[in-house]
Amino acid sequence: MAERDKGNFGGHASRRTLVDIPSRSDSEKTAESDIERLSEFTDGMLNKWKAGREEHGPTMKRDPLEEAKLECLDLANYAMETYFRIKKLQEEINACIS
């Protein structure tokens, strides 16, 4: 366990004891695994692009600025949801280690 000063976030200074949880173990950090992860991500993007092309056609029929605004709202909603999921996970981890 490592003790880290998390500073002042949201007006509340906090000092938490956290367990380091690596995203991948050292044995998983290889050039091949990085390529596989990148391939998975780019394949997902390509599939989404193809589906949009099939649904909407090759030319933009909507106002691209309006579409960009709607995408920003979607991203903000996903970020908010992710924030609260991370917060809940943090609370659960802290409850387990205290």
N, C-alpha and C. Protein backbone atom coordinates (compact mmCIF):
# COMPACT_ATOMS: atom_id res chain seq x y z
N MET A 1 0.83 -1.18 0.00
CA MET A 1 0.00 0.00 0.00
C MET A 1 0.87 1.24 0.00
N ALA A 2 0.44 2.24 -0.74
CA ALA A 2 1.18 3.49 -0.79
C ALA A 2 0.28 4.61 -0.31
N GLU A 3 0.83 5.50 0.48
CA GLU A 3 0.05 6.63 0.96
C GLU A 3 0.36 7.81 0.06
N ARG A 4 -0.67 8.43 -0.47
CA ARG A 4 -0.49 9.52 -1.41
C ARG A 4 -1.32 10.71 -0.98
N ASP A 5 -0.74 11.90 -1.12
CA ASP A 5 -1.48 13.12 -0.85
C ASP A 5 -2.25 13.47 -2.10
N LYS A 6 -3.55 13.45 -2.02
CA LYS A 6 -4.39 13.71 -3.17
C LYS A 6 -4.70 15.20 -3.32
N GLY A 7 -4.13 16.04 -2.44
CA GLY A 7 -4.29 17.48 -2.58
C GLY A 7 -5.69 17.94 -2.25
N ASN A 8 -6.07 19.04 -2.87
CA ASN A 8 -7.36 19.65 -2.62
C ASN A 8 -8.21 19.47 -3.86
N PHE A 9 -9.19 18.59 -3.79
CA PHE A 9 -10.07 18.32 -4.93
C PHE A 9 -11.49 18.58 -4.50
N GLY A 10 -12.17 19.42 -5.23
CA GLY A 10 -13.56 19.71 -4.89
C GLY A 10 -13.71 20.44 -3.57
N GLY A 11 -12.66 21.18 -3.16
CA GLY A 11 -12.72 21.93 -1.92
C GLY A 11 -12.42 21.12 -0.69
N HIS A 12 -12.09 19.85 -0.86
CA HIS A 12 -11.83 18.99 0.29
C HIS A 12 -10.41 18.42 0.18
N ALA A 13 -9.57 18.78 1.15
CA ALA A 13 -8.23 18.19 1.19
C ALA A 13 -8.40 16.76 1.67
N SER A 14 -7.70 15.83 1.05
CA SER A 14 -7.83 14.45 1.48
C SER A 14 -6.49 13.75 1.38
N ARG A 15 -6.29 12.83 2.29
CA ARG A 15 -5.10 11.98 2.27
C ARG A 15 -5.62 10.56 2.36
N ARG A 16 -5.37 9.78 1.33
CA ARG A 16 -5.94 8.44 1.26
C ARG A 16 -4.82 7.40 1.18
N THR A 17 -5.12 6.24 1.66
CA THR A 17 -4.23 5.10 1.48
C THR A 17 -4.81 4.28 0.35
N LEU A 18 -4.05 4.14 -0.71
CA LEU A 18 -4.54 3.44 -1.89
C LEU A 18 -3.68 2.23 -2.19
N VAL A 19 -4.30 1.24 -2.76
CA VAL A 19 -3.58 0.07 -3.23
C VAL A 19 -3.26 0.32 -4.70
N ASP A 20 -1.99 0.16 -5.06
CA ASP A 20 -1.61 0.34 -6.46
C ASP A 20 -2.15 -0.81 -7.28
N ILE A 21 -2.92 -0.47 -8.30
CA ILE A 21 -3.49 -1.48 -9.19
C ILE A 21 -3.03 -1.15 -10.59
N PRO A 22 -2.01 -1.86 -11.10
CA PRO A 22 -1.51 -1.55 -12.44
C PRO A 22 -2.55 -1.93 -13.51
N SER A 23 -2.54 -1.19 -14.61
CA SER A 23 -3.48 -1.50 -15.68
C SER A 23 -3.12 -2.81 -16.37
N ARG A 24 -1.82 -3.12 -16.44
CA ARG A 24 -1.36 -4.39 -17.00
C ARG A 24 -0.11 -4.79 -16.24
N SER A 25 0.07 -6.07 -16.08
CA SER A 25 1.28 -6.54 -15.41
C SER A 25 2.46 -6.38 -16.35
N ASP A 26 3.66 -6.41 -15.80
CA ASP A 26 4.85 -6.27 -16.62
C ASP A 26 4.93 -7.35 -17.68
N SER A 27 4.46 -8.55 -17.35
CA SER A 27 4.50 -9.63 -18.34
C SER A 27 3.54 -9.38 -19.50
N GLU A 28 2.54 -8.55 -19.29
CA GLU A 28 1.58 -8.24 -20.36
C GLU A 28 2.03 -7.06 -21.21
N LYS A 29 3.05 -6.34 -20.79
CA LYS A 29 3.52 -5.16 -21.51
C LYS A 29 4.53 -5.56 -22.57
N THR A 30 4.03 -5.96 -23.71
CA THR A 30 4.88 -6.34 -24.83
C THR A 30 4.45 -5.56 -26.05
N ALA A 31 5.32 -5.51 -27.03
CA ALA A 31 4.98 -4.82 -28.28
C ALA A 31 3.76 -5.47 -28.92
N GLU A 32 3.70 -6.81 -28.85
CA GLU A 32 2.57 -7.53 -29.44
C GLU A 32 1.26 -7.18 -28.75
N SER A 33 1.28 -7.10 -27.41
CA SER A 33 0.03 -6.78 -26.70
C SER A 33 -0.38 -5.34 -26.97
N ASP A 34 0.59 -4.44 -27.11
CA ASP A 34 0.25 -3.05 -27.45
C ASP A 34 -0.40 -2.99 -28.83
N ILE A 35 0.13 -3.74 -29.77
CA ILE A 35 -0.44 -3.77 -31.12
C ILE A 35 -1.85 -4.35 -31.08
N GLU A 36 -2.05 -5.40 -30.28
CA GLU A 36 -3.39 -6.01 -30.16
C GLU A 36 -4.38 -5.02 -29.57
N ARG A 37 -3.97 -4.29 -28.54
CA ARG A 37 -4.86 -3.30 -27.91
C ARG A 37 -5.19 -2.18 -28.89
N LEU A 38 -4.19 -1.70 -29.62
CA LEU A 38 -4.41 -0.64 -30.60
C LEU A 38 -5.31 -1.14 -31.72
N SER A 39 -5.09 -2.38 -32.15
CA SER A 39 -5.91 -2.96 -33.21
C SER A 39 -7.37 -3.08 -32.77
N GLU A 40 -7.58 -3.51 -31.53
CA GLU A 40 -8.95 -3.62 -31.00
C GLU A 40 -9.64 -2.26 -31.03
N PHE A 41 -8.91 -1.21 -30.62
CA PHE A 41 -9.48 0.13 -30.58
C PHE A 41 -9.78 0.66 -31.98
N THR A 42 -8.81 0.53 -32.90
CA THR A 42 -9.01 1.05 -34.26
C THR A 42 -10.07 0.25 -35.01
N ASP A 43 -10.15 -1.06 -34.76
CA ASP A 43 -11.21 -1.87 -35.38
C ASP A 43 -12.58 -1.37 -34.93
N GLY A 44 -12.70 -1.05 -33.64
CA GLY A 44 -13.96 -0.52 -33.13
C GLY A 44 -14.32 0.80 -33.77
N MET A 45 -13.32 1.68 -33.93
CA MET A 45 -13.57 2.97 -34.60
C MET A 45 -14.01 2.76 -36.05
N LEU A 46 -13.30 1.87 -36.75
CA LEU A 46 -13.63 1.61 -38.15
C LEU A 46 -15.04 1.04 -38.29
N ASN A 47 -15.40 0.10 -37.43
CA ASN A 47 -16.75 -0.47 -37.49
C ASN A 47 -17.81 0.60 -37.25
N LYS A 48 -17.56 1.49 -36.31
CA LYS A 48 -18.51 2.57 -36.02
C LYS A 48 -18.61 3.52 -37.22
N TRP A 49 -17.48 3.83 -37.85
CA TRP A 49 -17.47 4.71 -39.02
C TRP A 49 -18.25 4.07 -40.17
N LYS A 50 -18.02 2.77 -40.41
CA LYS A 50 -18.72 2.06 -41.49
C LYS A 50 -20.23 2.05 -41.26
N ALA A 51 -20.62 1.80 -40.01
CA ALA A 51 -22.06 1.78 -39.68
C ALA A 51 -22.67 3.16 -39.92
N GLY A 52 -21.96 4.20 -39.55
CA GLY A 52 -22.46 5.56 -39.80
C GLY A 52 -22.56 5.87 -41.27
N ARG A 53 -21.56 5.41 -42.04
CA ARG A 53 -21.56 5.63 -43.48
C ARG A 53 -22.75 4.92 -44.13
N GLU A 54 -23.03 3.68 -43.66
CA GLU A 54 -24.17 2.93 -44.20
C GLU A 54 -25.49 3.59 -43.83
N GLU A 55 -25.58 4.09 -42.60
CA GLU A 55 -26.82 4.69 -42.13
C GLU A 55 -27.07 6.07 -42.75
N HIS A 56 -26.01 6.87 -42.87
CA HIS A 56 -26.18 8.26 -43.29
C HIS A 56 -25.69 8.56 -44.70
N GLY A 57 -24.98 7.65 -45.33
CA GLY A 57 -24.46 7.88 -46.67
C GLY A 57 -23.09 8.55 -46.61
N PRO A 58 -22.46 8.70 -47.80
CA PRO A 58 -21.10 9.22 -47.84
C PRO A 58 -20.97 10.73 -47.62
N THR A 59 -22.07 11.47 -47.70
CA THR A 59 -21.99 12.92 -47.51
C THR A 59 -22.77 13.33 -46.27
N MET A 60 -22.31 14.40 -45.65
CA MET A 60 -22.96 14.93 -44.44
C MET A 60 -24.25 15.63 -44.84
N LYS A 61 -25.37 15.16 -44.32
CA LYS A 61 -26.67 15.75 -44.65
C LYS A 61 -27.18 16.65 -43.53
N ARG A 62 -26.44 16.65 -42.41
CA ARG A 62 -26.83 17.47 -41.27
C ARG A 62 -25.80 18.56 -41.05
N ASP A 63 -26.17 19.54 -40.25
CA ASP A 63 -25.26 20.62 -39.91
C ASP A 63 -24.12 20.05 -39.07
N PRO A 64 -22.88 20.09 -39.57
CA PRO A 64 -21.77 19.49 -38.83
C PRO A 64 -21.50 20.18 -37.49
N LEU A 65 -21.79 21.47 -37.39
CA LEU A 65 -21.60 22.15 -36.11
C LEU A 65 -22.63 21.71 -35.09
N GLU A 66 -23.86 21.49 -35.54
CA GLU A 66 -24.88 20.98 -34.63
C GLU A 66 -24.53 19.56 -34.18
N GLU A 67 -24.04 18.75 -35.10
CA GLU A 67 -23.61 17.39 -34.75
C GLU A 67 -22.46 17.43 -33.76
N ALA A 68 -21.52 18.35 -33.95
CA ALA A 68 -20.39 18.48 -33.03
C ALA A 68 -20.87 18.87 -31.63
N LYS A 69 -21.84 19.77 -31.56
CA LYS A 69 -22.40 20.16 -30.26
C LYS A 69 -23.05 18.96 -29.56
N LEU A 70 -23.80 18.18 -30.33
CA LEU A 70 -24.44 17.00 -29.75
C LEU A 70 -23.41 15.98 -29.27
N GLU A 71 -22.31 15.83 -30.02
CA GLU A 71 -21.24 14.93 -29.59
C GLU A 71 -20.62 15.41 -28.28
N CYS A 72 -20.45 16.72 -28.15
CA CYS A 72 -19.92 17.27 -26.89
C CYS A 72 -20.83 16.94 -25.71
N LEU A 73 -22.13 17.04 -25.92
CA LEU A 73 -23.07 16.69 -24.85
C LEU A 73 -22.98 15.20 -24.51
N ASP A 74 -22.86 14.36 -25.53
CA ASP A 74 -22.70 12.92 -25.28
C ASP A 74 -21.43 12.65 -24.48
N LEU A 75 -20.33 13.26 -24.89
CA LEU A 75 -19.06 13.07 -24.18
C LEU A 75 -19.17 13.53 -22.73
N ALA A 76 -19.83 14.66 -22.51
CA ALA A 76 -19.99 15.18 -21.15
C ALA A 76 -20.80 14.21 -20.30
N ASN A 77 -21.86 13.65 -20.87
CA ASN A 77 -22.67 12.68 -20.13
C ASN A 77 -21.87 11.42 -19.81
N TYR A 78 -21.10 10.94 -20.77
CA TYR A 78 -20.26 9.75 -20.51
C TYR A 78 -19.22 10.06 -19.44
N ALA A 79 -18.63 11.26 -19.51
CA ALA A 79 -17.62 11.65 -18.51
C ALA A 79 -18.25 11.71 -17.12
N MET A 80 -19.44 12.27 -17.02
CA MET A 80 -20.11 12.36 -15.72
C MET A 80 -20.40 10.96 -15.17
N GLU A 81 -20.92 10.10 -16.01
CA GLU A 81 -21.23 8.73 -15.58
C GLU A 81 -19.95 8.02 -15.14
N THR A 82 -18.89 8.18 -15.91
CA THR A 82 -17.61 7.56 -15.56
C THR A 82 -17.08 8.12 -14.25
N TYR A 83 -17.20 9.42 -14.05
CA TYR A 83 -16.76 10.05 -12.80
C TYR A 83 -17.44 9.40 -11.60
N PHE A 84 -18.76 9.24 -11.67
CA PHE A 84 -19.48 8.68 -10.53
C PHE A 84 -19.20 7.19 -10.34
N ARG A 85 -18.93 6.47 -11.42
CA ARG A 85 -18.53 5.06 -11.28
C ARG A 85 -17.17 4.95 -10.61
N ILE A 86 -16.23 5.82 -11.00
CA ILE A 86 -14.91 5.82 -10.38
C ILE A 86 -15.02 6.21 -8.92
N LYS A 87 -15.86 7.19 -8.62
CA LYS A 87 -16.04 7.62 -7.23
C LYS A 87 -16.59 6.47 -6.38
N LYS A 88 -17.57 5.74 -6.92
CA LYS A 88 -18.14 4.61 -6.18
C LYS A 88 -17.09 3.52 -5.99
N LEU A 89 -16.31 3.24 -7.01
CA LEU A 89 -15.24 2.25 -6.90
C LEU A 89 -14.22 2.68 -5.85
N GLN A 90 -13.87 3.96 -5.85
CA GLN A 90 -12.93 4.48 -4.84
C GLN A 90 -13.48 4.29 -3.43
N GLU A 91 -14.77 4.58 -3.24
CA GLU A 91 -15.38 4.41 -1.92
C GLU A 91 -15.37 2.94 -1.51
N GLU A 92 -15.64 2.04 -2.45
CA GLU A 92 -15.64 0.61 -2.14
C GLU A 92 -14.23 0.13 -1.79
N ILE A 93 -13.23 0.60 -2.54
CA ILE A 93 -11.85 0.22 -2.24
C ILE A 93 -11.43 0.76 -0.88
N ASN A 94 -11.74 2.02 -0.61
CA ASN A 94 -11.40 2.61 0.68
C ASN A 94 -12.08 1.88 1.84
N ALA A 95 -13.33 1.45 1.64
CA ALA A 95 -14.03 0.70 2.69
C ALA A 95 -13.35 -0.65 2.94
N CYS A 96 -12.84 -1.27 1.88
CA CYS A 96 -12.17 -2.57 2.03
C CYS A 96 -10.82 -2.46 2.72
N ILE A 97 -10.12 -1.35 2.52
CA ILE A 97 -8.77 -1.24 3.07
C ILE A 97 -8.73 -0.51 4.41
N SER A 98 -9.87 -0.01 4.85
CA SER A 98 -9.85 0.70 6.15
C SER A 98 -10.34 -0.18 7.26
